[in-house]
Structure formats: structure tokens, C-alpha cells
């Protein structure tokens, strides 16, 4: 996993009572297992975004229904991915794999959209958890810039995923804490969900 993009906090803090139950090797193996799951999930989302970006950049004037249908297929084949959306260069929602036609929503104030619109490269940006304006559901955005051949902005594209899919839910250690952070020390997801980390701990965990 690219630690510059995302790093997995493998502290897996066990409660005092758990230390008699789980050996250090077991905790380490569990951490690696959860990190492997997170990495594979993110790579699959990134691949779907790359395919979607190529489709839109090659056909920026394609019919909305054609793009909507194709993006929906990318979502269907990608575990955990709820939707792929794209905006125009002003941040206005243009394509939504979940809804056709796309709703009239201005996303220009969303940090993941602003970051992608101002990026002259196609770097993957992992935003902090948000609540959808139309769905009311929590999500983590994975965004990239849409660029023309001169690297001018065509818009932003983003994959929407429920935070819980980043953790392997059917292999949770009841006495452990698992947290996933982006490269800005923002918590993407934690188990248990009410886990809090002191600022000093986050600073020490940064690589």
C-alpha cells in the first residue's frame, strides 16, 4: 500500500483483558489481514475510476445515458463501490451511475471536488467521510481530476463507498480496535465506531 496515499494504523489496540487471549503474532497477523483487505478494496476502486476517467476524457460530449449505463457497470463489478459520479469543470454534477438523469446538485464546495478540479495531475485523492446531500448516507469519496489532452480541467470524477467496506466486517476481533486514516490523519473508518485517538498518538503514527 502506498503510505503516502493511505496508511493503515496497525496499532490494533487490544484491551487489557485481550492481552491474555491474543498473542502478539495473532494481533500482527490480524492487522496484516485487515490492511490487505483495505488495500485490495482501494485498488479496485482506483481501477474503476481510471476506467471511468478514460471513458469520459475520450468522450466528454457523449450522451449522459450512455455514460451513466457504463459507469453503472463499473460500479457493479467493484465490491463495496456504491456509485461513480462526475462533475463538469465548475463542480456541477453531470453524471451519476446511481441516478439517471443526474440530479441538479452543485458540488463545487465539496473538498474532494475542489481538490480534483484544481489538480493538474490524475492523483487519487481520498477525502474524509461525508454525508450525501441527496441520499443522507455516509460515504468516503475517492476522487481524480478529469483532464483534456492539454491537462485542462474537464471536471472531477469520484467513487463513493460506504466507510464500513474498508474494514473486513466478517473477520473482526472483538477485543481489538481497527482504524483507517488518509494521509491527512483524518479517520476514514474505525471499529468500534466511537473510537477516539489523542492528537499526540496520530502524530507519532505518521510515517
N, C-alpha and C. Protein backbone atom coordinates (compact mmCIF):
# COMPACT_ATOMS: atom_id res chain seq x y z
N UNK A 1 0.83 -1.19 0.00
CA UNK A 1 0.00 0.00 0.00
C UNK A 1 0.87 1.24 0.00
N UNK A 2 0.48 2.25 -0.74
CA UNK A 2 1.23 3.50 -0.79
C UNK A 2 0.96 4.29 0.48
N UNK A 3 1.95 4.36 1.36
CA UNK A 3 1.74 5.03 2.64
C UNK A 3 1.56 6.51 2.47
N UNK A 4 2.01 7.08 1.32
CA UNK A 4 1.80 8.49 1.07
C UNK A 4 0.35 8.79 0.75
N UNK A 5 -0.36 7.79 0.29
CA UNK A 5 -1.77 7.97 -0.07
C UNK A 5 -2.67 7.58 1.09
N UNK A 6 -2.33 6.51 1.70
CA UNK A 6 -3.17 5.98 2.76
C UNK A 6 -2.32 5.10 3.64
N UNK A 7 -2.48 5.18 4.93
CA UNK A 7 -1.75 4.24 5.76
C UNK A 7 -2.68 3.63 6.79
N UNK A 8 -2.39 2.42 7.07
CA UNK A 8 -3.23 1.65 7.98
C UNK A 8 -2.60 1.68 9.36
N UNK A 9 -3.35 2.16 10.32
CA UNK A 9 -2.85 2.20 11.69
C UNK A 9 -2.98 0.79 12.26
N UNK A 10 -1.84 0.12 12.32
CA UNK A 10 -1.83 -1.28 12.75
C UNK A 10 -1.60 -1.39 14.25
N UNK A 11 -2.03 -0.36 14.97
CA UNK A 11 -1.91 -0.43 16.42
C UNK A 11 -2.79 -1.55 16.94
N UNK A 12 -3.99 -1.63 16.35
CA UNK A 12 -4.97 -2.63 16.79
C UNK A 12 -4.93 -2.74 18.31
N UNK A 13 -5.20 -1.63 18.91
CA UNK A 13 -5.09 -1.55 20.36
C UNK A 13 -6.00 -2.58 21.02
N UNK A 14 -5.42 -3.51 21.71
CA UNK A 14 -6.22 -4.52 22.39
C UNK A 14 -6.50 -4.05 23.81
N UNK A 15 -7.66 -4.38 24.30
CA UNK A 15 -7.98 -4.07 25.68
C UNK A 15 -7.11 -4.95 26.59
N UNK A 16 -6.94 -4.51 27.81
CA UNK A 16 -6.08 -5.23 28.74
C UNK A 16 -6.49 -6.69 28.86
N UNK A 17 -7.79 -6.94 28.90
CA UNK A 17 -8.26 -8.32 29.04
C UNK A 17 -7.91 -9.16 27.82
N UNK A 18 -7.75 -8.51 26.69
CA UNK A 18 -7.49 -9.26 25.46
C UNK A 18 -6.05 -9.73 25.36
N UNK A 19 -5.19 -9.12 26.12
CA UNK A 19 -3.78 -9.47 26.00
C UNK A 19 -3.51 -10.90 26.43
N UNK A 20 -4.38 -11.45 27.27
CA UNK A 20 -4.22 -12.85 27.67
C UNK A 20 -4.84 -13.80 26.65
N UNK A 21 -5.65 -13.22 25.74
CA UNK A 21 -6.38 -14.05 24.77
C UNK A 21 -5.66 -14.12 23.44
N UNK A 22 -5.09 -13.00 23.01
CA UNK A 22 -4.47 -12.93 21.70
C UNK A 22 -2.96 -12.71 21.83
N UNK A 23 -2.19 -13.58 21.23
CA UNK A 23 -0.74 -13.41 21.23
C UNK A 23 -0.35 -12.29 20.27
N UNK A 24 0.87 -11.78 20.47
CA UNK A 24 1.34 -10.68 19.62
C UNK A 24 1.32 -11.08 18.15
N UNK A 25 1.69 -12.32 17.86
CA UNK A 25 1.68 -12.79 16.47
C UNK A 25 0.27 -12.79 15.89
N UNK A 26 -0.71 -13.15 16.71
CA UNK A 26 -2.10 -13.16 16.25
C UNK A 26 -2.56 -11.75 15.91
N UNK A 27 -2.21 -10.80 16.77
CA UNK A 27 -2.59 -9.41 16.54
C UNK A 27 -1.94 -8.88 15.27
N UNK A 28 -0.65 -9.21 15.08
CA UNK A 28 0.06 -8.76 13.89
C UNK A 28 -0.56 -9.36 12.62
N UNK A 29 -0.87 -10.66 12.67
CA UNK A 29 -1.49 -11.30 11.51
C UNK A 29 -2.86 -10.68 11.21
N UNK A 30 -3.59 -10.37 12.26
CA UNK A 30 -4.91 -9.76 12.08
C UNK A 30 -4.78 -8.38 11.44
N UNK A 31 -3.78 -7.61 11.91
CA UNK A 31 -3.55 -6.28 11.34
C UNK A 31 -3.20 -6.38 9.86
N UNK A 32 -2.34 -7.33 9.52
CA UNK A 32 -1.94 -7.50 8.13
C UNK A 32 -3.13 -7.93 7.27
N UNK A 33 -3.99 -8.76 7.83
CA UNK A 33 -5.17 -9.24 7.10
C UNK A 33 -6.11 -8.07 6.80
N UNK A 34 -6.36 -7.23 7.80
CA UNK A 34 -7.23 -6.07 7.59
C UNK A 34 -6.59 -5.07 6.62
N UNK A 35 -5.29 -4.88 6.73
CA UNK A 35 -4.60 -3.97 5.82
C UNK A 35 -4.66 -4.48 4.38
N UNK A 36 -4.52 -5.79 4.21
CA UNK A 36 -4.60 -6.40 2.88
C UNK A 36 -5.99 -6.19 2.28
N UNK A 37 -7.02 -6.34 3.10
CA UNK A 37 -8.38 -6.12 2.62
C UNK A 37 -8.58 -4.67 2.19
N UNK A 38 -8.11 -3.72 3.02
CA UNK A 38 -8.25 -2.30 2.70
C UNK A 38 -7.52 -1.96 1.41
N UNK A 39 -6.31 -2.48 1.27
CA UNK A 39 -5.51 -2.21 0.07
C UNK A 39 -6.21 -2.73 -1.17
N UNK A 40 -6.71 -3.95 -1.13
CA UNK A 40 -7.39 -4.52 -2.29
C UNK A 40 -8.65 -3.75 -2.65
N UNK A 41 -9.39 -3.31 -1.62
CA UNK A 41 -10.60 -2.53 -1.86
C UNK A 41 -10.28 -1.22 -2.55
N UNK A 42 -9.25 -0.54 -2.07
CA UNK A 42 -8.87 0.76 -2.64
C UNK A 42 -8.34 0.59 -4.06
N UNK A 43 -7.56 -0.44 -4.29
CA UNK A 43 -7.04 -0.69 -5.63
C UNK A 43 -8.16 -0.96 -6.62
N UNK A 44 -9.18 -1.69 -6.19
CA UNK A 44 -10.32 -1.99 -7.07
C UNK A 44 -11.09 -0.72 -7.40
N UNK A 45 -11.28 0.15 -6.40
CA UNK A 45 -11.96 1.42 -6.63
C UNK A 45 -11.15 2.29 -7.57
N UNK A 46 -9.84 2.33 -7.35
CA UNK A 46 -8.97 3.13 -8.20
C UNK A 46 -9.01 2.66 -9.65
N UNK A 47 -9.02 1.36 -9.85
CA UNK A 47 -9.11 0.81 -11.21
C UNK A 47 -10.42 1.22 -11.87
N UNK A 48 -11.52 1.14 -11.14
CA UNK A 48 -12.80 1.56 -11.69
C UNK A 48 -12.79 3.04 -12.06
N UNK A 49 -12.15 3.87 -11.22
CA UNK A 49 -12.07 5.30 -11.52
C UNK A 49 -11.19 5.58 -12.74
N UNK A 50 -10.11 4.84 -12.87
CA UNK A 50 -9.25 5.01 -14.03
C UNK A 50 -10.00 4.68 -15.32
N UNK A 51 -10.75 3.58 -15.31
CA UNK A 51 -11.54 3.20 -16.49
C UNK A 51 -12.60 4.25 -16.77
N UNK A 52 -13.27 4.73 -15.72
CA UNK A 52 -14.30 5.74 -15.90
C UNK A 52 -13.71 7.05 -16.40
N UNK A 53 -12.55 7.42 -15.89
CA UNK A 53 -11.88 8.65 -16.33
C UNK A 53 -11.54 8.59 -17.81
N UNK A 54 -10.97 7.45 -18.21
CA UNK A 54 -10.60 7.28 -19.62
C UNK A 54 -11.83 7.38 -20.52
N UNK A 55 -12.92 6.76 -20.10
CA UNK A 55 -14.15 6.80 -20.88
C UNK A 55 -14.64 8.23 -21.08
N UNK A 56 -14.68 9.01 -20.01
CA UNK A 56 -15.20 10.38 -20.09
C UNK A 56 -14.24 11.31 -20.80
N UNK A 57 -12.95 11.15 -20.55
CA UNK A 57 -11.97 12.04 -21.19
C UNK A 57 -11.93 11.82 -22.70
N UNK A 58 -12.17 10.59 -23.13
CA UNK A 58 -12.19 10.31 -24.57
C UNK A 58 -13.50 10.74 -25.22
N UNK A 59 -14.56 10.76 -24.41
CA UNK A 59 -15.89 11.08 -24.96
C UNK A 59 -16.60 12.11 -24.08
N UNK A 60 -16.03 13.30 -23.93
CA UNK A 60 -16.62 14.29 -23.00
C UNK A 60 -18.02 14.74 -23.40
N UNK A 61 -18.37 14.61 -24.68
CA UNK A 61 -19.69 15.05 -25.14
C UNK A 61 -20.64 13.88 -25.35
N UNK A 62 -20.29 12.70 -24.87
CA UNK A 62 -21.16 11.53 -25.03
C UNK A 62 -22.49 11.74 -24.31
N UNK A 63 -23.49 11.04 -24.77
CA UNK A 63 -24.81 11.14 -24.16
C UNK A 63 -24.76 10.71 -22.69
N UNK A 64 -25.48 11.42 -21.87
CA UNK A 64 -25.48 11.12 -20.43
C UNK A 64 -25.91 9.68 -20.16
N UNK A 65 -26.92 9.20 -20.87
CA UNK A 65 -27.42 7.85 -20.62
C UNK A 65 -26.36 6.80 -20.92
N UNK A 66 -25.57 7.02 -21.97
CA UNK A 66 -24.50 6.08 -22.33
C UNK A 66 -23.46 6.03 -21.21
N UNK A 67 -23.05 7.20 -20.73
CA UNK A 67 -22.05 7.25 -19.67
C UNK A 67 -22.61 6.69 -18.37
N UNK A 68 -23.84 7.05 -18.06
CA UNK A 68 -24.49 6.53 -16.86
C UNK A 68 -24.52 5.00 -16.87
N UNK A 69 -24.89 4.41 -17.99
CA UNK A 69 -25.01 2.96 -18.09
C UNK A 69 -23.65 2.29 -17.93
N UNK A 70 -22.63 2.85 -18.55
CA UNK A 70 -21.29 2.26 -18.48
C UNK A 70 -20.70 2.39 -17.08
N UNK A 71 -20.88 3.55 -16.46
CA UNK A 71 -20.37 3.73 -15.10
C UNK A 71 -21.07 2.80 -14.13
N UNK A 72 -22.36 2.56 -14.37
CA UNK A 72 -23.10 1.63 -13.50
C UNK A 72 -22.51 0.22 -13.60
N UNK A 73 -22.02 -0.16 -14.78
CA UNK A 73 -21.38 -1.47 -14.94
C UNK A 73 -20.06 -1.53 -14.16
N UNK A 74 -19.30 -0.43 -14.18
CA UNK A 74 -18.05 -0.39 -13.41
C UNK A 74 -18.34 -0.54 -11.91
N UNK A 75 -19.40 0.10 -11.45
CA UNK A 75 -19.79 0.01 -10.04
C UNK A 75 -20.20 -1.42 -9.70
N UNK A 76 -20.97 -2.03 -10.58
CA UNK A 76 -21.47 -3.39 -10.33
C UNK A 76 -20.35 -4.40 -10.18
N UNK A 77 -19.26 -4.20 -10.89
CA UNK A 77 -18.16 -5.17 -10.85
C UNK A 77 -17.18 -4.89 -9.71
N UNK A 78 -17.36 -3.78 -8.99
CA UNK A 78 -16.40 -3.37 -7.96
C UNK A 78 -17.00 -3.51 -6.58
N UNK A 79 -16.58 -4.50 -5.80
CA UNK A 79 -17.15 -4.72 -4.46
C UNK A 79 -17.02 -3.48 -3.57
N UNK A 80 -18.10 -3.13 -2.92
CA UNK A 80 -18.08 -2.02 -1.99
C UNK A 80 -18.38 -0.66 -2.59
N UNK A 81 -18.21 -0.53 -3.89
CA UNK A 81 -18.43 0.76 -4.55
C UNK A 81 -19.92 1.00 -4.71
N UNK A 82 -20.38 2.15 -4.23
CA UNK A 82 -21.82 2.45 -4.29
C UNK A 82 -22.20 3.24 -5.53
N UNK A 83 -21.31 4.12 -5.97
CA UNK A 83 -21.61 4.94 -7.15
C UNK A 83 -20.34 5.58 -7.67
N UNK A 84 -20.37 5.95 -8.94
CA UNK A 84 -19.35 6.80 -9.55
C UNK A 84 -20.07 8.03 -10.07
N UNK A 85 -19.55 9.19 -9.71
CA UNK A 85 -20.15 10.43 -10.18
C UNK A 85 -19.08 11.27 -10.87
N UNK A 86 -19.51 12.16 -11.74
CA UNK A 86 -18.56 13.10 -12.34
C UNK A 86 -19.22 14.47 -12.42
N UNK A 87 -18.38 15.49 -12.38
CA UNK A 87 -18.86 16.87 -12.48
C UNK A 87 -18.27 17.52 -13.72
N UNK A 88 -18.80 18.69 -14.06
CA UNK A 88 -18.15 19.49 -15.10
C UNK A 88 -17.05 20.32 -14.44
N UNK A 89 -16.43 21.21 -15.20
CA UNK A 89 -15.28 21.96 -14.67
C UNK A 89 -15.67 22.99 -13.62
N UNK A 90 -16.98 23.22 -13.43
CA UNK A 90 -17.43 24.15 -12.40
C UNK A 90 -17.84 23.44 -11.12
N UNK A 91 -17.87 22.11 -11.14
CA UNK A 91 -18.26 21.35 -9.97
C UNK A 91 -19.72 20.95 -9.95
N UNK A 92 -20.43 21.17 -11.05
CA UNK A 92 -21.84 20.79 -11.14
C UNK A 92 -21.93 19.31 -11.49
N UNK A 93 -22.75 18.58 -10.74
CA UNK A 93 -22.93 17.16 -11.02
C UNK A 93 -23.41 16.96 -12.46
N UNK A 94 -22.74 16.05 -13.16
CA UNK A 94 -23.05 15.84 -14.57
C UNK A 94 -23.49 14.41 -14.85
N UNK A 95 -22.78 13.43 -14.27
CA UNK A 95 -23.10 12.02 -14.47
C UNK A 95 -23.16 11.34 -13.10
N UNK A 96 -24.15 10.49 -12.92
CA UNK A 96 -24.30 9.74 -11.68
C UNK A 96 -24.67 8.31 -12.05
N UNK A 97 -23.82 7.36 -11.69
CA UNK A 97 -24.09 5.97 -12.06
C UNK A 97 -25.33 5.42 -11.34
N UNK A 98 -25.73 6.07 -10.25
CA UNK A 98 -26.85 5.59 -9.45
C UNK A 98 -28.20 6.13 -9.94
N UNK A 99 -28.18 7.35 -10.45
CA UNK A 99 -29.42 8.03 -10.83
C UNK A 99 -29.32 8.63 -12.23
N UNK A 100 -30.34 8.36 -13.03
CA UNK A 100 -30.45 8.99 -14.35
C UNK A 100 -31.83 9.60 -14.49
N UNK A 101 -31.87 10.86 -14.95
CA UNK A 101 -30.73 11.76 -15.15
C UNK A 101 -30.14 12.22 -13.82
N UNK A 102 -28.91 12.70 -13.88
CA UNK A 102 -28.25 13.16 -12.66
C UNK A 102 -29.01 14.34 -12.06
N UNK A 103 -29.07 14.39 -10.74
CA UNK A 103 -29.75 15.49 -10.06
C UNK A 103 -28.99 16.79 -10.24
N UNK A 104 -29.70 17.88 -10.15
CA UNK A 104 -29.10 19.20 -10.30
C UNK A 104 -28.48 19.61 -8.97
N UNK A 105 -27.23 19.20 -8.76
CA UNK A 105 -26.55 19.46 -7.49
C UNK A 105 -25.20 20.13 -7.75
N UNK A 106 -24.95 21.21 -7.03
CA UNK A 106 -23.65 21.90 -7.11
C UNK A 106 -22.73 21.30 -6.04
N UNK A 107 -21.65 20.66 -6.50
CA UNK A 107 -20.70 20.02 -5.58
C UNK A 107 -19.39 20.80 -5.49
N UNK A 108 -19.38 22.01 -5.99
CA UNK A 108 -18.13 22.77 -6.06
C UNK A 108 -17.55 23.10 -4.69
N UNK A 109 -18.38 23.05 -3.64
CA UNK A 109 -17.87 23.35 -2.30
C UNK A 109 -17.36 22.11 -1.58
N UNK A 110 -17.55 20.93 -2.14
CA UNK A 110 -17.05 19.70 -1.53
C UNK A 110 -15.54 19.64 -1.71
N UNK A 111 -14.83 19.32 -0.64
CA UNK A 111 -13.37 19.36 -0.67
C UNK A 111 -12.80 18.41 -1.71
N UNK A 112 -13.36 17.22 -1.85
CA UNK A 112 -12.83 16.25 -2.81
C UNK A 112 -13.02 16.73 -4.24
N UNK A 113 -14.10 17.47 -4.51
CA UNK A 113 -14.32 18.02 -5.85
C UNK A 113 -13.37 19.19 -6.08
N UNK A 114 -13.25 20.08 -5.11
CA UNK A 114 -12.35 21.23 -5.26
C UNK A 114 -10.92 20.77 -5.50
N UNK A 115 -10.50 19.75 -4.75
CA UNK A 115 -9.12 19.25 -4.89
C UNK A 115 -8.89 18.69 -6.29
N UNK A 116 -9.85 17.91 -6.79
CA UNK A 116 -9.71 17.32 -8.13
C UNK A 116 -9.74 18.40 -9.21
N UNK A 117 -10.60 19.40 -9.07
CA UNK A 117 -10.70 20.46 -10.08
C UNK A 117 -9.44 21.30 -10.16
N UNK A 118 -8.72 21.38 -9.04
CA UNK A 118 -7.51 22.20 -9.00
C UNK A 118 -6.23 21.39 -9.19
N UNK A 119 -6.38 20.12 -9.57
CA UNK A 119 -5.23 19.24 -9.73
C UNK A 119 -4.90 19.07 -11.21
N UNK A 120 -3.66 19.37 -11.57
CA UNK A 120 -3.23 19.23 -12.96
C UNK A 120 -2.73 17.82 -13.25
N UNK A 121 -2.78 16.94 -12.26
CA UNK A 121 -2.41 15.55 -12.42
C UNK A 121 -3.61 14.68 -12.05
N UNK A 122 -3.48 13.39 -12.31
CA UNK A 122 -4.59 12.47 -12.03
C UNK A 122 -4.35 11.68 -10.74
N UNK A 123 -3.83 12.36 -9.73
CA UNK A 123 -3.56 11.70 -8.45
C UNK A 123 -4.87 11.33 -7.76
N UNK A 124 -4.85 10.19 -7.09
CA UNK A 124 -6.02 9.77 -6.33
C UNK A 124 -6.08 10.54 -5.02
N UNK A 125 -7.24 11.12 -4.75
CA UNK A 125 -7.47 11.87 -3.51
C UNK A 125 -8.52 11.12 -2.69
N UNK A 126 -8.19 10.81 -1.45
CA UNK A 126 -9.12 10.14 -0.56
C UNK A 126 -9.61 11.16 0.46
N UNK A 127 -10.89 11.50 0.37
CA UNK A 127 -11.44 12.52 1.25
C UNK A 127 -11.90 11.95 2.58
N UNK A 128 -12.25 12.83 3.47
CA UNK A 128 -12.78 12.42 4.76
C UNK A 128 -14.25 12.04 4.62
N UNK A 129 -14.78 11.26 5.56
CA UNK A 129 -16.19 10.83 5.47
C UNK A 129 -17.16 12.01 5.43
N UNK A 130 -18.18 11.88 4.60
CA UNK A 130 -19.20 12.91 4.42
C UNK A 130 -20.57 12.27 4.44
N UNK A 131 -21.59 13.11 4.42
CA UNK A 131 -22.96 12.64 4.29
C UNK A 131 -23.52 13.14 2.97
N UNK A 132 -24.08 12.24 2.18
CA UNK A 132 -24.60 12.62 0.88
C UNK A 132 -25.75 13.59 0.99
N UNK A 133 -25.76 14.59 0.12
CA UNK A 133 -26.80 15.62 0.18
C UNK A 133 -28.16 15.10 -0.27
N UNK A 134 -28.17 14.19 -1.19
CA UNK A 134 -29.45 13.66 -1.65
C UNK A 134 -29.82 12.35 -0.95
N UNK A 135 -28.77 11.53 -0.64
CA UNK A 135 -29.05 10.21 -0.03
C UNK A 135 -29.13 10.26 1.49
N UNK A 136 -28.41 11.20 2.11
CA UNK A 136 -28.35 11.24 3.56
C UNK A 136 -27.50 10.15 4.16
N UNK A 137 -26.78 9.40 3.32
CA UNK A 137 -25.96 8.27 3.78
C UNK A 137 -24.49 8.68 3.88
N UNK A 138 -23.78 8.07 4.82
CA UNK A 138 -22.36 8.34 4.99
C UNK A 138 -21.55 7.73 3.84
N UNK A 139 -20.49 8.40 3.43
CA UNK A 139 -19.64 7.86 2.39
C UNK A 139 -18.24 8.43 2.49
N UNK A 140 -17.29 7.72 1.90
CA UNK A 140 -15.92 8.21 1.73
C UNK A 140 -15.71 8.42 0.24
N UNK A 141 -15.27 9.62 -0.18
CA UNK A 141 -15.05 9.87 -1.61
C UNK A 141 -13.61 9.57 -2.04
N UNK A 142 -13.47 8.95 -3.18
CA UNK A 142 -12.18 8.72 -3.83
C UNK A 142 -12.24 9.49 -5.15
N UNK A 143 -11.41 10.50 -5.32
CA UNK A 143 -11.59 11.41 -6.45
C UNK A 143 -10.32 11.55 -7.30
N UNK A 144 -10.55 11.85 -8.57
CA UNK A 144 -9.48 12.14 -9.51
C UNK A 144 -9.91 13.31 -10.39
N UNK A 145 -8.91 13.98 -10.97
CA UNK A 145 -9.19 15.04 -11.92
C UNK A 145 -9.52 14.44 -13.29
N UNK A 146 -10.45 15.07 -13.99
CA UNK A 146 -10.70 14.75 -15.40
C UNK A 146 -10.00 15.84 -16.22
N UNK A 147 -9.10 15.42 -17.09
CA UNK A 147 -8.28 16.38 -17.82
C UNK A 147 -8.34 16.13 -19.32
N UNK A 148 -8.22 17.22 -20.11
CA UNK A 148 -8.13 17.04 -21.55
C UNK A 148 -6.67 16.82 -21.94
N UNK A 149 -6.39 16.76 -23.22
CA UNK A 149 -5.02 16.46 -23.68
C UNK A 149 -4.02 17.54 -23.29
N UNK A 150 -4.50 18.74 -23.01
CA UNK A 150 -3.63 19.84 -22.58
C UNK A 150 -3.59 19.98 -21.06
N UNK A 151 -4.15 18.98 -20.36
CA UNK A 151 -4.22 18.96 -18.90
C UNK A 151 -5.06 20.10 -18.34
N UNK A 152 -6.05 20.51 -19.12
CA UNK A 152 -7.03 21.48 -18.61
C UNK A 152 -8.21 20.70 -18.02
N UNK A 153 -8.78 21.26 -16.99
CA UNK A 153 -9.83 20.55 -16.26
C UNK A 153 -11.10 20.37 -17.07
N UNK A 154 -11.56 19.12 -17.11
CA UNK A 154 -12.87 18.81 -17.66
C UNK A 154 -13.89 18.63 -16.55
N UNK A 155 -13.38 18.43 -15.35
CA UNK A 155 -14.25 18.18 -14.21
C UNK A 155 -13.57 17.27 -13.20
N UNK A 156 -14.37 16.69 -12.35
CA UNK A 156 -13.88 15.75 -11.33
C UNK A 156 -14.67 14.47 -11.44
N UNK A 157 -14.03 13.37 -11.09
CA UNK A 157 -14.71 12.08 -11.03
C UNK A 157 -14.46 11.48 -9.66
N UNK A 158 -15.47 10.83 -9.11
CA UNK A 158 -15.32 10.31 -7.75
C UNK A 158 -16.04 8.99 -7.60
N UNK A 159 -15.42 8.10 -6.82
CA UNK A 159 -16.05 6.86 -6.42
C UNK A 159 -16.58 7.04 -5.00
N UNK A 160 -17.80 6.59 -4.78
CA UNK A 160 -18.46 6.74 -3.49
C UNK A 160 -18.56 5.36 -2.83
N UNK A 161 -18.05 5.25 -1.60
CA UNK A 161 -18.06 3.97 -0.90
C UNK A 161 -18.50 4.18 0.54
N UNK A 162 -19.25 3.25 1.07
CA UNK A 162 -19.60 3.32 2.49
C UNK A 162 -18.34 3.02 3.29
N UNK A 163 -18.04 3.81 4.33
CA UNK A 163 -16.80 3.61 5.09
C UNK A 163 -16.61 2.19 5.60
N UNK A 164 -17.68 1.53 5.98
CA UNK A 164 -17.58 0.20 6.56
C UNK A 164 -16.98 -0.84 5.64
N UNK A 165 -17.03 -0.64 4.33
CA UNK A 165 -16.48 -1.61 3.39
C UNK A 165 -14.95 -1.63 3.42
N UNK A 166 -14.33 -0.64 4.04
CA UNK A 166 -12.88 -0.60 4.11
C UNK A 166 -12.33 -1.54 5.19
N UNK A 167 -13.20 -2.04 6.05
CA UNK A 167 -12.82 -2.99 7.07
C UNK A 167 -13.47 -4.32 6.76
N UNK A 168 -12.73 -5.40 6.93
CA UNK A 168 -13.27 -6.75 6.71
C UNK A 168 -14.22 -7.06 7.85
N UNK A 169 -15.51 -6.91 7.57
CA UNK A 169 -16.51 -6.97 8.63
C UNK A 169 -16.72 -8.38 9.19
N UNK A 170 -16.48 -9.40 8.38
CA UNK A 170 -16.72 -10.77 8.85
C UNK A 170 -15.51 -11.38 9.53
N UNK A 171 -14.50 -10.56 9.82
CA UNK A 171 -13.31 -11.07 10.49
C UNK A 171 -12.84 -10.09 11.55
N UNK A 172 -13.79 -9.54 12.30
CA UNK A 172 -13.45 -8.55 13.31
C UNK A 172 -13.01 -9.22 14.61
N UNK A 173 -12.01 -8.64 15.23
CA UNK A 173 -11.53 -9.09 16.54
C UNK A 173 -12.28 -8.29 17.60
N UNK A 174 -13.13 -8.91 18.39
CA UNK A 174 -13.96 -8.17 19.35
C UNK A 174 -13.17 -7.34 20.34
N UNK A 175 -11.96 -7.77 20.67
CA UNK A 175 -11.16 -7.05 21.65
C UNK A 175 -10.15 -6.09 21.01
N UNK A 176 -10.29 -5.85 19.73
CA UNK A 176 -9.32 -5.00 19.03
C UNK A 176 -9.96 -3.73 18.50
N UNK A 177 -9.13 -2.75 18.27
CA UNK A 177 -9.56 -1.51 17.63
C UNK A 177 -8.86 -1.41 16.28
N UNK A 178 -9.63 -1.19 15.24
CA UNK A 178 -9.07 -1.05 13.89
C UNK A 178 -9.46 0.31 13.36
N UNK A 179 -8.51 1.06 12.86
CA UNK A 179 -8.81 2.36 12.27
C UNK A 179 -8.03 2.55 10.98
N UNK A 180 -8.67 3.21 10.05
CA UNK A 180 -8.05 3.51 8.76
C UNK A 180 -8.03 5.01 8.60
N UNK A 181 -6.86 5.56 8.22
CA UNK A 181 -6.69 7.00 8.08
C UNK A 181 -6.24 7.34 6.66
N UNK A 182 -6.54 8.55 6.22
CA UNK A 182 -5.92 9.03 4.99
C UNK A 182 -4.61 9.73 5.33
N UNK A 183 -3.97 10.32 4.34
CA UNK A 183 -2.64 10.89 4.58
C UNK A 183 -2.68 12.24 5.29
N UNK A 184 -3.88 12.68 5.67
CA UNK A 184 -4.02 13.93 6.43
C UNK A 184 -4.48 13.65 7.86
N UNK A 185 -4.29 12.39 8.29
CA UNK A 185 -4.67 11.97 9.65
C UNK A 185 -6.16 12.09 9.92
N UNK A 186 -6.97 12.02 8.88
CA UNK A 186 -8.42 12.03 9.03
C UNK A 186 -8.91 10.58 9.09
N UNK A 187 -9.71 10.28 10.09
CA UNK A 187 -10.22 8.92 10.24
C UNK A 187 -11.25 8.62 9.16
N UNK A 188 -11.01 7.56 8.40
CA UNK A 188 -11.97 7.13 7.39
C UNK A 188 -13.02 6.21 7.98
N UNK A 189 -12.57 5.30 8.84
CA UNK A 189 -13.47 4.35 9.48
C UNK A 189 -12.76 3.75 10.68
N UNK A 190 -13.53 3.42 11.69
CA UNK A 190 -12.98 2.78 12.89
C UNK A 190 -13.93 1.69 13.38
N UNK A 191 -13.34 0.69 13.99
CA UNK A 191 -14.12 -0.30 14.72
C UNK A 191 -13.49 -0.47 16.10
N UNK A 192 -14.23 -0.23 17.17
CA UNK A 192 -15.61 0.27 17.24
C UNK A 192 -15.73 1.68 16.67
N UNK A 193 -16.94 2.05 16.29
CA UNK A 193 -17.16 3.31 15.59
C UNK A 193 -16.93 4.53 16.47
N UNK A 194 -16.97 4.37 17.80
CA UNK A 194 -16.79 5.51 18.70
C UNK A 194 -15.35 5.68 19.15
N UNK A 195 -14.41 5.05 18.46
CA UNK A 195 -13.00 5.14 18.84
C UNK A 195 -12.48 6.56 18.63
N UNK A 196 -11.75 7.07 19.61
CA UNK A 196 -11.11 8.37 19.51
C UNK A 196 -9.62 8.22 19.75
N UNK A 197 -8.83 9.01 19.01
CA UNK A 197 -7.38 8.96 19.16
C UNK A 197 -6.85 10.32 19.60
N UNK A 198 -6.00 10.37 20.63
CA UNK A 198 -5.37 11.64 21.01
C UNK A 198 -4.50 12.15 19.88
N UNK A 199 -4.42 13.46 19.74
CA UNK A 199 -3.62 14.05 18.69
C UNK A 199 -2.18 13.61 18.71
N UNK A 200 -1.61 13.46 19.91
CA UNK A 200 -0.21 13.06 20.02
C UNK A 200 0.01 11.67 19.46
N UNK A 201 -0.99 10.80 19.60
CA UNK A 201 -0.86 9.44 19.07
C UNK A 201 -0.84 9.46 17.56
N UNK A 202 -1.66 10.32 16.94
CA UNK A 202 -1.69 10.42 15.50
C UNK A 202 -0.37 10.94 14.96
N UNK A 203 0.22 11.90 15.66
CA UNK A 203 1.50 12.44 15.21
C UNK A 203 2.58 11.38 15.24
N UNK A 204 2.58 10.56 16.28
CA UNK A 204 3.58 9.51 16.40
C UNK A 204 3.38 8.41 15.36
N UNK A 205 2.14 8.26 14.89
CA UNK A 205 1.83 7.20 13.94
C UNK A 205 2.15 7.58 12.51
N UNK A 206 2.37 8.85 12.24
CA UNK A 206 2.63 9.31 10.88
C UNK A 206 4.00 8.84 10.43
N UNK A 207 4.05 8.30 9.20
CA UNK A 207 5.33 7.84 8.67
C UNK A 207 5.79 8.78 7.57
